[in-house]
Each structure stands twice: as C-alpha cells, then as structure tokens.
Amino acid sequence: MIRKFIFYSIHLSTIVAPFILFFLPADFFDKGESICLSVKLAGIECYACGLTKATMHFIHFEFEQAWNFNKLSFIVVPMLFPLWVKSIYDIQGKRLPGKLGNLMYEKGA
C-alpha cells in the first residue's frame, strides 16, 4: 500500500510539475538570495547555481535569460522530457517503447 502511494506520488508530481511551473511567471524564482551550500560556505557558485531560474525561463521560451542564468539548462531541460514521458507510461502500467524504453528499464523488469 505504501509502495503504491509512493509510486503514484512520484509519478503524478513528475507529470504535473511542468504544468504548474509553466503557469507561474517566468521570474518567479529570480528574487531572493541563494540557498546553495557552496555559495553560503565558500562564496563560490557551483555548476547548478541558477539552474532553477534558467529552467523557468527556458520553459517560458526566454532562451537568452536562461542562457545568462545557467548554460547547462540547455542540456538539462531537454533531458527531463524523456523522464516526463516515462512517468506518463509508468502511471498507465505500460512500458516505454523502443530504444528509450530499453535504456530506462532494468533488464528483466
């Protein structure tokens, strides 16, 4: 019972999150100070600093601002799409077809 609850919670939040983020304003996360440990403790930005802000601008098609916040968003955001599609298939009890399905599932599962 708990496993089912966790399974559905994870996959439903993965499916719904992009829609919620899309309906929030693009600059929703732009204000406020950083909570990154490397910034707090060492004063240096890590590779992930600004990734949330960049992702928000990326999904709102503001690519220049996304590039300015974090260039890795152009790699990370497209990589999230197959995970989103996999969650849609998993919640239906189906297996993702093709080569992508072979990569995403364990052998024998």
PDB file of N, CA and C in Angstrom:
ATOM      1  N   MET A   1       0.820  -1.197   0.000  1.00  0.00           N
ATOM      2  CA  MET A   1       0.000   0.000   0.000  1.00  0.00           C
ATOM      3  C   MET A   1       0.863   1.259   0.000  1.00  0.00           C
ATOM      4  N   ILE A   2       1.876   1.273   0.869  1.00  0.00           N
ATOM      5  CA  ILE A   2       2.782   2.423   0.934  1.00  0.00           C
ATOM      6  C   ILE A   2       3.564   2.553  -0.376  1.00  0.00           C
ATOM      7  N   ARG A   3       3.991   1.408  -0.925  1.00  0.00           N
ATOM      8  CA  ARG A   3       4.747   1.442  -2.183  1.00  0.00           C
ATOM      9  C   ARG A   3       3.911   2.043  -3.306  1.00  0.00           C
ATOM     10  N   LYS A   4       2.627   1.685  -3.356  1.00  0.00           N
ATOM     11  CA  LYS A   4       1.741   2.249  -4.380  1.00  0.00           C
ATOM     12  C   LYS A   4       1.585   3.748  -4.192  1.00  0.00           C
ATOM     13  N   PHE A   5       1.420   4.174  -2.935  1.00  0.00           N
ATOM     14  CA  PHE A   5       1.282   5.596  -2.641  1.00  0.00           C
ATOM     15  C   PHE A   5       2.526   6.363  -3.088  1.00  0.00           C
ATOM     16  N   ILE A   6       3.699   5.837  -2.770  1.00  0.00           N
ATOM     17  CA  ILE A   6       4.949   6.489  -3.169  1.00  0.00           C
ATOM     18  C   ILE A   6       5.087   6.496  -4.681  1.00  0.00           C
ATOM     19  N   PHE A   7       4.774   5.371  -5.330  1.00  0.00           N
ATOM     20  CA  PHE A   7       4.848   5.269  -6.788  1.00  0.00           C
ATOM     21  C   PHE A   7       3.989   6.340  -7.460  1.00  0.00           C
ATOM     22  N   TYR A   8       2.710   6.411  -7.057  1.00  0.00           N
ATOM     23  CA  TYR A   8       1.807   7.382  -7.666  1.00  0.00           C
ATOM     24  C   TYR A   8       2.175   8.816  -7.299  1.00  0.00           C
ATOM     25  N   SER A   9       2.654   9.039  -6.091  1.00  0.00           N
ATOM     26  CA  SER A   9       3.057  10.395  -5.682  1.00  0.00           C
ATOM     27  C   SER A   9       4.212  10.898  -6.537  1.00  0.00           C
ATOM     28  N   ILE A  10       5.208  10.056  -6.719  1.00  0.00           N
ATOM     29  CA  ILE A  10       6.379  10.452  -7.507  1.00  0.00           C
ATOM     30  C   ILE A  10       5.987  10.721  -8.958  1.00  0.00           C
ATOM     31  N   HIS A  11       5.250   9.804  -9.557  1.00  0.00           N
ATOM     32  CA  HIS A  11       4.922   9.952 -10.972  1.00  0.00           C
ATOM     33  C   HIS A  11       3.910  11.065 -11.230  1.00  0.00           C
ATOM     34  N   LEU A  12       2.931  11.218 -10.358  1.00  0.00           N
ATOM     35  CA  LEU A  12       1.973  12.310 -10.550  1.00  0.00           C
ATOM     36  C   LEU A  12       2.636  13.673 -10.372  1.00  0.00           C
ATOM     37  N   SER A  13       3.533  13.796  -9.398  1.00  0.00           N
ATOM     38  CA  SER A  13       4.229  15.076  -9.231  1.00  0.00           C
ATOM     39  C   SER A  13       5.157  15.356 -10.416  1.00  0.00           C
ATOM     40  N   THR A  14       5.760  14.305 -10.979  1.00  0.00           N
ATOM     41  CA  THR A  14       6.605  14.479 -12.160  1.00  0.00           C
ATOM     42  C   THR A  14       5.777  14.931 -13.364  1.00  0.00           C
ATOM     43  N   ILE A  15       4.562  14.431 -13.491  1.00  0.00           N
ATOM     44  CA  ILE A  15       3.711  14.792 -14.622  1.00  0.00           C
ATOM     45  C   ILE A  15       3.131  16.193 -14.456  1.00  0.00           C
ATOM     46  N   VAL A  16       2.728  16.552 -13.247  1.00  0.00           N
ATOM     47  CA  VAL A  16       2.041  17.821 -13.007  1.00  0.00           C
ATOM     48  C   VAL A  16       2.997  19.006 -12.874  1.00  0.00           C
ATOM     49  N   ALA A  17       4.195  18.777 -12.356  1.00  0.00           N
ATOM     50  CA  ALA A  17       5.139  19.866 -12.076  1.00  0.00           C
ATOM     51  C   ALA A  17       5.419  20.783 -13.275  1.00  0.00           C
ATOM     52  N   PRO A  18       5.680  20.262 -14.488  1.00  0.00           N
ATOM     53  CA  PRO A  18       5.945  21.175 -15.607  1.00  0.00           C
ATOM     54  C   PRO A  18       4.769  22.103 -15.911  1.00  0.00           C
ATOM     55  N   PHE A  19       3.553  21.615 -15.742  1.00  0.00           N
ATOM     56  CA  PHE A  19       2.387  22.464 -15.998  1.00  0.00           C
ATOM     57  C   PHE A  19       2.276  23.576 -14.958  1.00  0.00           C
ATOM     58  N   ILE A  20       2.527  23.233 -13.702  1.00  0.00           N
ATOM     59  CA  ILE A  20       2.492  24.246 -12.641  1.00  0.00           C
ATOM     60  C   ILE A  20       3.580  25.291 -12.887  1.00  0.00           C
ATOM     61  N   LEU A  21       4.784  24.838 -13.204  1.00  0.00           N
ATOM     62  CA  LEU A  21       5.878  25.783 -13.458  1.00  0.00           C
ATOM     63  C   LEU A  21       5.596  26.657 -14.670  1.00  0.00           C
ATOM     64  N   PHE A  22       4.912  26.105 -15.671  1.00  0.00           N
ATOM     65  CA  PHE A  22       4.611  26.893 -16.865  1.00  0.00           C
ATOM     66  C   PHE A  22       3.614  28.009 -16.552  1.00  0.00           C
ATOM     67  N   PHE A  23       2.680  27.757 -15.640  1.00  0.00           N
ATOM     68  CA  PHE A  23       1.678  28.772 -15.320  1.00  0.00           C
ATOM     69  C   PHE A  23       2.170  29.799 -14.302  1.00  0.00           C
ATOM     70  N   LEU A  24       3.297  29.541 -13.649  1.00  0.00           N
ATOM     71  CA  LEU A  24       3.903  30.555 -12.792  1.00  0.00           C
ATOM     72  C   LEU A  24       4.619  31.567 -13.677  1.00  0.00           C
ATOM     73  N   PRO A  25       4.789  32.813 -13.216  1.00  0.00           N
ATOM     74  CA  PRO A  25       5.537  33.778 -14.024  1.00  0.00           C
ATOM     75  C   PRO A  25       6.993  33.333 -14.203  1.00  0.00           C
ATOM     76  N   ALA A  26       7.594  33.729 -15.310  1.00  0.00           N
ATOM     77  CA  ALA A  26       8.962  33.307 -15.621  1.00  0.00           C
ATOM     78  C   ALA A  26       9.961  33.796 -14.581  1.00  0.00           C
ATOM     79  N   ASP A  27       9.707  34.930 -13.972  1.00  0.00           N
ATOM     80  CA  ASP A  27      10.656  35.485 -12.998  1.00  0.00           C
ATOM     81  C   ASP A  27      10.284  35.122 -11.556  1.00  0.00           C
ATOM     82  N   PHE A  28       9.506  34.077 -11.365  1.00  0.00           N
ATOM     83  CA  PHE A  28       9.022  33.678 -10.053  1.00  0.00           C
ATOM     84  C   PHE A  28      10.166  33.385  -9.079  1.00  0.00           C
ATOM     85  N   PHE A  29      11.227  32.747  -9.542  1.00  0.00           N
ATOM     86  CA  PHE A  29      12.355  32.378  -8.687  1.00  0.00           C
ATOM     87  C   PHE A  29      13.526  33.351  -8.781  1.00  0.00           C
ATOM     88  N   ASP A  30      13.379  34.440  -9.523  1.00  0.00           N
ATOM     89  CA  ASP A  30      14.502  35.353  -9.742  1.00  0.00           C
ATOM     90  C   ASP A  30      14.885  36.167  -8.509  1.00  0.00           C
ATOM     91  N   LYS A  31      13.958  36.370  -7.603  1.00  0.00           N
ATOM     92  CA  LYS A  31      14.235  37.189  -6.424  1.00  0.00           C
ATOM     93  C   LYS A  31      14.672  36.305  -5.262  1.00  0.00           C
ATOM     94  N   GLY A  32      15.349  36.905  -4.315  1.00  0.00           N
ATOM     95  CA  GLY A  32      15.782  36.173  -3.127  1.00  0.00           C
ATOM     96  C   GLY A  32      17.242  35.782  -3.216  1.00  0.00           C
ATOM     97  N   GLU A  33      17.774  35.402  -2.069  1.00  0.00           N
ATOM     98  CA  GLU A  33      19.188  35.038  -2.045  1.00  0.00           C
ATOM     99  C   GLU A  33      19.362  33.538  -2.262  1.00  0.00           C
ATOM    100  N   SER A  34      20.558  33.168  -2.631  1.00  0.00           N
ATOM    101  CA  SER A  34      20.866  31.779  -2.946  1.00  0.00           C
ATOM    102  C   SER A  34      20.855  30.918  -1.681  1.00  0.00           C
ATOM    103  N   ILE A  35      20.401  29.682  -1.828  1.00  0.00           N
ATOM    104  CA  ILE A  35      20.463  28.734  -0.722  1.00  0.00           C
ATOM    105  C   ILE A  35      21.513  27.645  -0.985  1.00  0.00           C
ATOM    106  N   CYS A  36      22.312  27.850  -2.007  1.00  0.00           N
ATOM    107  CA  CYS A  36      23.352  26.888  -2.374  1.00  0.00           C
ATOM    108  C   CYS A  36      24.430  26.839  -1.288  1.00  0.00           C
ATOM    109  N   LEU A  37      24.818  25.641  -0.883  1.00  0.00           N
ATOM    110  CA  LEU A  37      25.832  25.493   0.160  1.00  0.00           C
ATOM    111  C   LEU A  37      27.190  26.034  -0.261  1.00  0.00           C
ATOM    112  N   SER A  38      27.557  25.844  -1.519  1.00  0.00           N
ATOM    113  CA  SER A  38      28.863  26.335  -1.953  1.00  0.00           C
ATOM    114  C   SER A  38      28.913  27.862  -1.923  1.00  0.00           C
ATOM    115  N   VAL A  39      27.791  28.512  -2.189  1.00  0.00           N
ATOM    116  CA  VAL A  39      27.735  29.973  -2.104  1.00  0.00           C
ATOM    117  C   VAL A  39      27.750  30.406  -0.641  1.00  0.00           C
ATOM    118  N   LYS A  40      26.972  29.722   0.187  1.00  0.00           N
ATOM    119  CA  LYS A  40      26.879  30.077   1.611  1.00  0.00           C
ATOM    120  C   LYS A  40      28.201  29.852   2.347  1.00  0.00           C
ATOM    121  N   LEU A  41      28.848  28.712   2.100  1.00  0.00           N
ATOM    122  CA  LEU A  41      30.045  28.362   2.859  1.00  0.00           C
ATOM    123  C   LEU A  41      31.338  28.885   2.242  1.00  0.00           C
ATOM    124  N   ALA A  42      31.459  28.780   0.925  1.00  0.00           N
ATOM    125  CA  ALA A  42      32.724  29.138   0.285  1.00  0.00           C
ATOM    126  C   ALA A  42      32.644  30.420  -0.535  1.00  0.00           C
ATOM    127  N   GLY A  43      31.433  30.866  -0.837  1.00  0.00           N
ATOM    128  CA  GLY A  43      31.307  32.089  -1.638  1.00  0.00           C
ATOM    129  C   GLY A  43      31.541  31.875  -3.126  1.00  0.00           C
ATOM    130  N   ILE A  44      31.538  30.627  -3.570  1.00  0.00           N
ATOM    131  CA  ILE A  44      31.723  30.334  -4.988  1.00  0.00           C
ATOM    132  C   ILE A  44      30.471  29.659  -5.535  1.00  0.00           C
ATOM    133  N   GLU A  45      30.137  29.980  -6.768  1.00  0.00           N
ATOM    134  CA  GLU A  45      28.974  29.361  -7.404  1.00  0.00           C
ATOM    135  C   GLU A  45      29.344  27.993  -7.956  1.00  0.00           C
ATOM    136  N   CYS A  46      28.448  27.030  -7.776  1.00  0.00           N
ATOM    137  CA  CYS A  46      28.658  25.695  -8.325  1.00  0.00           C
ATOM    138  C   CYS A  46      28.036  25.626  -9.724  1.00  0.00           C
ATOM    139  N   TYR A  47      28.111  24.456 -10.353  1.00  0.00           N
ATOM    140  CA  TYR A  47      27.568  24.305 -11.700  1.00  0.00           C
ATOM    141  C   TYR A  47      26.045  24.379 -11.728  1.00  0.00           C
ATOM    142  N   ALA A  48      25.410  24.084 -10.607  1.00  0.00           N
ATOM    143  CA  ALA A  48      23.951  24.094 -10.568  1.00  0.00           C
ATOM    144  C   ALA A  48      23.364  25.442 -10.166  1.00  0.00           C
ATOM    145  N   CYS A  49      24.192  26.381  -9.761  1.00  0.00           N
ATOM    146  CA  CYS A  49      23.679  27.687  -9.342  1.00  0.00           C
ATOM    147  C   CYS A  49      22.953  28.360 -10.516  1.00  0.00           C
ATOM    148  N   GLY A  50      21.735  28.780 -10.268  1.00  0.00           N
ATOM    149  CA  GLY A  50      20.932  29.445 -11.286  1.00  0.00           C
ATOM    150  C   GLY A  50      20.172  28.497 -12.188  1.00  0.00           C
ATOM    151  N   LEU A  51      20.266  27.204 -11.944  1.00  0.00           N
ATOM    152  CA  LEU A  51      19.619  26.229 -12.830  1.00  0.00           C
ATOM    153  C   LEU A  51      18.095  26.292 -12.732  1.00  0.00           C
ATOM    154  N   THR A  52      17.571  26.520 -11.544  1.00  0.00           N
ATOM    155  CA  THR A  52      16.114  26.631 -11.391  1.00  0.00           C
ATOM    156  C   THR A  52      15.599  27.862 -12.133  1.00  0.00           C
ATOM    157  N   LYS A  53      16.292  28.972 -11.963  1.00  0.00           N
ATOM    158  CA  LYS A  53      15.896  30.203 -12.659  1.00  0.00           C
ATOM    159  C   LYS A  53      15.997  30.021 -14.169  1.00  0.00           C
ATOM    160  N   ALA A  54      17.079  29.388 -14.602  1.00  0.00           N
ATOM    161  CA  ALA A  54      17.277  29.160 -16.034  1.00  0.00           C
ATOM    162  C   ALA A  54      16.205  28.231 -16.595  1.00  0.00           C
ATOM    163  N   THR A  55      15.837  27.207 -15.833  1.00  0.00           N
ATOM    164  CA  THR A  55      14.799  26.280 -16.275  1.00  0.00           C
ATOM    165  C   THR A  55      13.464  26.991 -16.436  1.00  0.00           C
ATOM    166  N   MET A  56      13.139  27.848 -15.485  1.00  0.00           N
ATOM    167  CA  MET A  56      11.882  28.601 -15.576  1.00  0.00           C
ATOM    168  C   MET A  56      11.852  29.471 -16.837  1.00  0.00           C
ATOM    169  N   HIS A  57      12.946  30.155 -17.110  1.00  0.00           N
ATOM    170  CA  HIS A  57      12.994  30.989 -18.307  1.00  0.00           C
ATOM    171  C   HIS A  57      12.989  30.126 -19.577  1.00  0.00           C
ATOM    172  N   PHE A  58      13.633  28.969 -19.518  1.00  0.00           N
ATOM    173  CA  PHE A  58      13.671  28.071 -20.672  1.00  0.00           C
ATOM    174  C   PHE A  58      12.269  27.583 -21.027  1.00  0.00           C
ATOM    175  N   ILE A  59      11.489  27.153 -20.025  1.00  0.00           N
ATOM    176  CA  ILE A  59      10.161  26.634 -20.345  1.00  0.00           C
ATOM    177  C   ILE A  59       9.178  27.738 -20.717  1.00  0.00           C
ATOM    178  N   HIS A  60       9.566  28.990 -20.478  1.00  0.00           N
ATOM    179  CA  HIS A  60       8.759  30.123 -20.931  1.00  0.00           C
ATOM    180  C   HIS A  60       9.322  30.706 -22.233  1.00  0.00           C
ATOM    181  N   PHE A  61      10.234  29.975 -22.863  1.00  0.00           N
ATOM    182  CA  PHE A  61      10.828  30.322 -24.155  1.00  0.00           C
ATOM    183  C   PHE A  61      11.604  31.642 -24.109  1.00  0.00           C
ATOM    184  N   GLU A  62      12.173  31.968 -22.959  1.00  0.00           N
ATOM    185  CA  GLU A  62      13.051  33.127 -22.811  1.00  0.00           C
ATOM    186  C   GLU A  62      14.489  32.595 -22.765  1.00  0.00           C
ATOM    187  N   PHE A  63      14.979  32.216 -23.932  1.00  0.00           N
ATOM    188  CA  PHE A  63      16.240  31.483 -24.004  1.00  0.00           C
ATOM    189  C   PHE A  63      17.453  32.338 -23.640  1.00  0.00           C
ATOM    190  N   GLU A  64      17.415  33.617 -23.943  1.00  0.00           N
ATOM    191  CA  GLU A  64      18.554  34.471 -23.618  1.00  0.00           C
ATOM    192  C   GLU A  64      18.737  34.594 -22.100  1.00  0.00           C
ATOM    193  N   GLN A  65      17.631  34.798 -21.368  1.00  0.00           N
ATOM    194  CA  GLN A  65      17.729  34.860 -19.912  1.00  0.00           C
ATOM    195  C   GLN A  65      18.152  33.510 -19.341  1.00  0.00           C
ATOM    196  N   ALA A  66      17.649  32.431 -19.914  1.00  0.00           N
ATOM    197  CA  ALA A  66      18.044  31.092 -19.455  1.00  0.00           C
ATOM    198  C   ALA A  66      19.550  30.898 -19.638  1.00  0.00           C
ATOM    199  N   TRP A  67      20.064  31.330 -20.760  1.00  0.00           N
ATOM    200  CA  TRP A  67      21.497  31.216 -21.040  1.00  0.00           C
ATOM    201  C   TRP A  67      22.305  32.037 -20.042  1.00  0.00           C
ATOM    202  N   ASN A  68      21.805  33.232 -19.695  1.00  0.00           N
ATOM    203  CA  ASN A  68      22.517  34.093 -18.753  1.00  0.00           C
ATOM    204  C   ASN A  68      22.532  33.531 -17.332  1.00  0.00           C
ATOM    205  N   PHE A  69      21.455  32.843 -16.931  1.00  0.00           N
ATOM    206  CA  PHE A  69      21.420  32.272 -15.584  1.00  0.00           C
ATOM    207  C   PHE A  69      22.287  31.022 -15.477  1.00  0.00           C
ATOM    208  N   ASN A  70      22.154  30.099 -16.425  1.00  0.00           N
ATOM    209  CA  ASN A  70      22.948  28.883 -16.388  1.00  0.00           C
ATOM    210  C   ASN A  70      22.906  28.216 -17.762  1.00  0.00           C
ATOM    211  N   LYS A  71      24.068  28.073 -18.356  1.00  0.00           N
ATOM    212  CA  LYS A  71      24.155  27.498 -19.700  1.00  0.00           C
ATOM    213  C   LYS A  71      23.798  26.010 -19.731  1.00  0.00           C
ATOM    214  N   LEU A  72      23.943  25.335 -18.604  1.00  0.00           N
ATOM    215  CA  LEU A  72      23.620  23.906 -18.545  1.00  0.00           C
ATOM    216  C   LEU A  72      22.137  23.623 -18.699  1.00  0.00           C
ATOM    217  N   SER A  73      21.299  24.636 -18.574  1.00  0.00           N
ATOM    218  CA  SER A  73      19.860  24.413 -18.733  1.00  0.00           C
ATOM    219  C   SER A  73      19.529  23.917 -20.135  1.00  0.00           C
ATOM    220  N   PHE A  74      20.366  24.231 -21.111  1.00  0.00           N
ATOM    221  CA  PHE A  74      20.131  23.778 -22.484  1.00  0.00           C
ATOM    222  C   PHE A  74      20.455  22.295 -22.654  1.00  0.00           C
ATOM    223  N   ILE A  75      21.102  21.704 -21.658  1.00  0.00           N
ATOM    224  CA  ILE A  75      21.337  20.267 -21.646  1.00  0.00           C
ATOM    225  C   ILE A  75      20.331  19.584 -20.718  1.00  0.00           C
ATOM    226  N   VAL A  76      20.114  20.176 -19.542  1.00  0.00           N
ATOM    227  CA  VAL A  76      19.291  19.550 -18.507  1.00  0.00           C
ATOM    228  C   VAL A  76      17.813  19.508 -18.889  1.00  0.00           C
ATOM    229  N   VAL A  77      17.249  20.605 -19.361  1.00  0.00           N
ATOM    230  CA  VAL A  77      15.807  20.658 -19.649  1.00  0.00           C
ATOM    231  C   VAL A  77      15.406  19.649 -20.727  1.00  0.00           C
ATOM    232  N   PRO A  78      16.124  19.557 -21.856  1.00  0.00           N
ATOM    233  CA  PRO A  78      15.740  18.521 -22.826  1.00  0.00           C
ATOM    234  C   PRO A  78      15.886  17.095 -22.286  1.00  0.00           C
ATOM    235  N   MET A  79      16.793  16.878 -21.324  1.00  0.00           N
ATOM    236  CA  MET A  79      16.950  15.548 -20.742  1.00  0.00           C
ATOM    237  C   MET A  79      15.800  15.209 -19.793  1.00  0.00           C
ATOM    238  N   LEU A  80      15.069  16.209 -19.312  1.00  0.00           N
ATOM    239  CA  LEU A  80      13.936  15.962 -18.432  1.00  0.00           C
ATOM    240  C   LEU A  80      12.716  15.456 -19.197  1.00  0.00           C
ATOM    241  N   PHE A  81      12.630  15.773 -20.481  1.00  0.00           N
ATOM    242  CA  PHE A  81      11.466  15.383 -21.274  1.00  0.00           C
ATOM    243  C   PHE A  81      11.268  13.870 -21.340  1.00  0.00           C
ATOM    244  N   PRO A  82      12.311  13.062 -21.619  1.00  0.00           N
ATOM    245  CA  PRO A  82      12.094  11.604 -21.629  1.00  0.00           C
ATOM    246  C   PRO A  82      11.660  11.063 -20.266  1.00  0.00           C
ATOM    247  N   LEU A  83      12.138  11.663 -19.175  1.00  0.00           N
ATOM    248  CA  LEU A  83      11.712  11.219 -17.850  1.00  0.00           C
ATOM    249  C   LEU A  83      10.240  11.526 -17.617  1.00  0.00           C
ATOM    250  N   TRP A  84       9.789  12.655 -18.142  1.00  0.00           N
ATOM    251  CA  TRP A  84       8.386  13.036 -18.037  1.00  0.00           C
ATOM    252  C   TRP A  84       7.515  12.046 -18.824  1.00  0.00           C
ATOM    253  N   VAL A  85       7.937  11.708 -20.028  1.00  0.00           N
ATOM    254  CA  VAL A  85       7.192  10.754 -20.859  1.00  0.00           C
ATOM    255  C   VAL A  85       7.187   9.377 -20.199  1.00  0.00           C
ATOM    256  N   LYS A  86       8.308   8.987 -19.599  1.00  0.00           N
ATOM    257  CA  LYS A  86       8.379   7.696 -18.899  1.00  0.00           C
ATOM    258  C   LYS A  86       7.385   7.651 -17.740  1.00  0.00           C
ATOM    259  N   SER A  87       7.240   8.746 -17.021  1.00  0.00           N
ATOM    260  CA  SER A  87       6.271   8.783 -15.918  1.00  0.00           C
ATOM    261  C   SER A  87       4.847   8.609 -16.426  1.00  0.00           C
ATOM    262  N   ILE A  88       4.558   9.184 -17.571  1.00  0.00           N
ATOM    263  CA  ILE A  88       3.219   9.037 -18.159  1.00  0.00           C
ATOM    264  C   ILE A  88       2.964   7.566 -18.496  1.00  0.00           C
ATOM    265  N   TYR A  89       3.950   6.901 -19.087  1.00  0.00           N
ATOM    266  CA  TYR A  89       3.798   5.477 -19.414  1.00  0.00           C
ATOM    267  C   TYR A  89       3.700   4.630 -18.141  1.00  0.00           C
ATOM    268  N   ASP A  90       4.551   4.928 -17.151  1.00  0.00           N
ATOM    269  CA  ASP A  90       4.565   4.129 -15.922  1.00  0.00           C
ATOM    270  C   ASP A  90       3.245   4.213 -15.169  1.00  0.00           C
ATOM    271  N   ILE A  91       2.645   5.371 -15.123  1.00  0.00           N
ATOM    272  CA  ILE A  91       1.395   5.535 -14.380  1.00  0.00           C
ATOM    273  C   ILE A  91       0.247   4.788 -15.068  1.00  0.00           C
ATOM    274  N   GLN A  92       0.380   4.559 -16.369  1.00  0.00           N
ATOM    275  CA  GLN A  92      -0.616   3.775 -17.102  1.00  0.00           C
ATOM    276  C   GLN A  92      -0.343   2.279 -17.018  1.00  0.00           C
ATOM    277  N   GLY A  93       0.791   1.913 -16.420  1.00  0.00           N
ATOM    278  CA  GLY A  93       1.148   0.499 -16.305  1.00  0.00           C
ATOM    279  C   GLY A  93       1.767  -0.044 -17.574  1.00  0.00           C
ATOM    280  N   LYS A  94       2.236   0.841 -18.433  1.00  0.00           N
ATOM    281  CA  LYS A  94       2.853   0.419 -19.693  1.00  0.00           C
ATOM    282  C   LYS A  94       4.361   0.626 -19.623  1.00  0.00           C
ATOM    283  N   ARG A  95       5.040   0.042 -20.592  1.00  0.00           N
ATOM    284  CA  ARG A  95       6.483   0.197 -20.699  1.00  0.00           C
ATOM    285  C   ARG A  95       6.795   1.114 -21.865  1.00  0.00           C
ATOM    286  N   LEU A  96       7.709   2.022 -21.667  1.00  0.00           N
ATOM    287  CA  LEU A  96       8.118   2.952 -22.714  1.00  0.00           C
ATOM    288  C   LEU A  96       8.684   2.155 -23.894  1.00  0.00           C
ATOM    289  N   PRO A  97       8.174   2.360 -25.108  1.00  0.00           N
ATOM    290  CA  PRO A  97       8.613   1.546 -26.248  1.00  0.00           C
ATOM    291  C   PRO A  97       9.956   2.002 -26.814  1.00  0.00           C
ATOM    292  N   GLY A  98      10.525   1.153 -27.611  1.00  0.00           N
ATOM    293  CA  GLY A  98      11.709   1.491 -28.391  1.00  0.00           C
ATOM    294  C   GLY A  98      13.010   1.474 -27.611  1.00  0.00           C
ATOM    295  N   LYS A  99      14.015   2.088 -28.216  1.00  0.00           N
ATOM    296  CA  LYS A  99      15.356   2.140 -27.628  1.00  0.00           C
ATOM    297  C   LYS A  99      15.355   2.877 -26.299  1.00  0.00           C
ATOM    298  N   LEU A 100      14.543   3.936 -26.217  1.00  0.00           N
ATOM    299  CA  LEU A 100      14.471   4.716 -24.986  1.00  0.00           C
ATOM    300  C   LEU A 100      13.944   3.861 -23.838  1.00  0.00           C
ATOM    301  N   GLY A 101      12.970   3.030 -24.123  1.00  0.00           N
ATOM    302  CA  GLY A 101      12.449   2.105 -23.117  1.00  0.00           C
ATOM    303  C   GLY A 101      13.499   1.105 -22.668  1.00  0.00           C
ATOM    304  N   ASN A 102      14.301   0.622 -23.609  1.00  0.00           N
ATOM    305  CA  ASN A 102      15.368  -0.323 -23.262  1.00  0.00           C
ATOM    306  C   ASN A 102      16.409   0.327 -22.362  1.00  0.00           C
ATOM    307  N   LEU A 103      16.657   1.622 -22.566  1.00  0.00           N
ATOM    308  CA  LEU A 103      17.636   2.325 -21.739  1.00  0.00           C
ATOM    309  C   LEU A 103      17.107   2.630 -20.341  1.00  0.00           C
ATOM    310  N   MET A 104      15.803   2.865 -20.228  1.00  0.00           N
ATOM    311  CA  MET A 104      15.246   3.356 -18.968  1.00  0.00           C
ATOM    312  C   MET A 104      14.832   2.272 -17.982  1.00  0.00           C
ATOM    313  N   TYR A 105      14.661   1.047 -18.437  1.00  0.00           N
ATOM    314  CA  TYR A 105      14.217  -0.025 -17.542  1.00  0.00           C
ATOM    315  C   TYR A 105      15.317  -1.017 -17.331  1.00  0.00           C
ATOM    316  N   GLU A 106      15.312  -1.648 -16.153  1.00  0.00           N
ATOM    317  CA  GLU A 106      16.296  -2.685 -15.859  1.00  0.00           C
ATOM    318  C   GLU A 106      16.008  -3.911 -16.716  1.00  0.00           C
ATOM    319  N   LYS A 107      17.039  -4.679 -16.956  1.00  0.00           N
ATOM    320  CA  LYS A 107      16.857  -5.905 -17.732  1.00  0.00           C
ATOM    321  C   LYS A 107      16.011  -6.882 -16.916  1.00  0.00           C
ATOM    322  N   GLY A 108      15.031  -7.466 -17.553  1.00  0.00           N
ATOM    323  CA  GLY A 108      14.169  -8.434 -16.909  1.00  0.00           C
ATOM    324  C   GLY A 108      12.984  -7.817 -16.158  1.00  0.00           C
ATOM    325  N   ALA A 109      12.901  -6.483 -16.156  1.00  0.00           N
ATOM    326  CA  ALA A 109      11.796  -5.837 -15.417  1.00  0.00           C
ATOM    327  C   ALA A 109      10.595  -5.663 -16.317  1.00  0.00           C
TER     328      ALA A 109
END
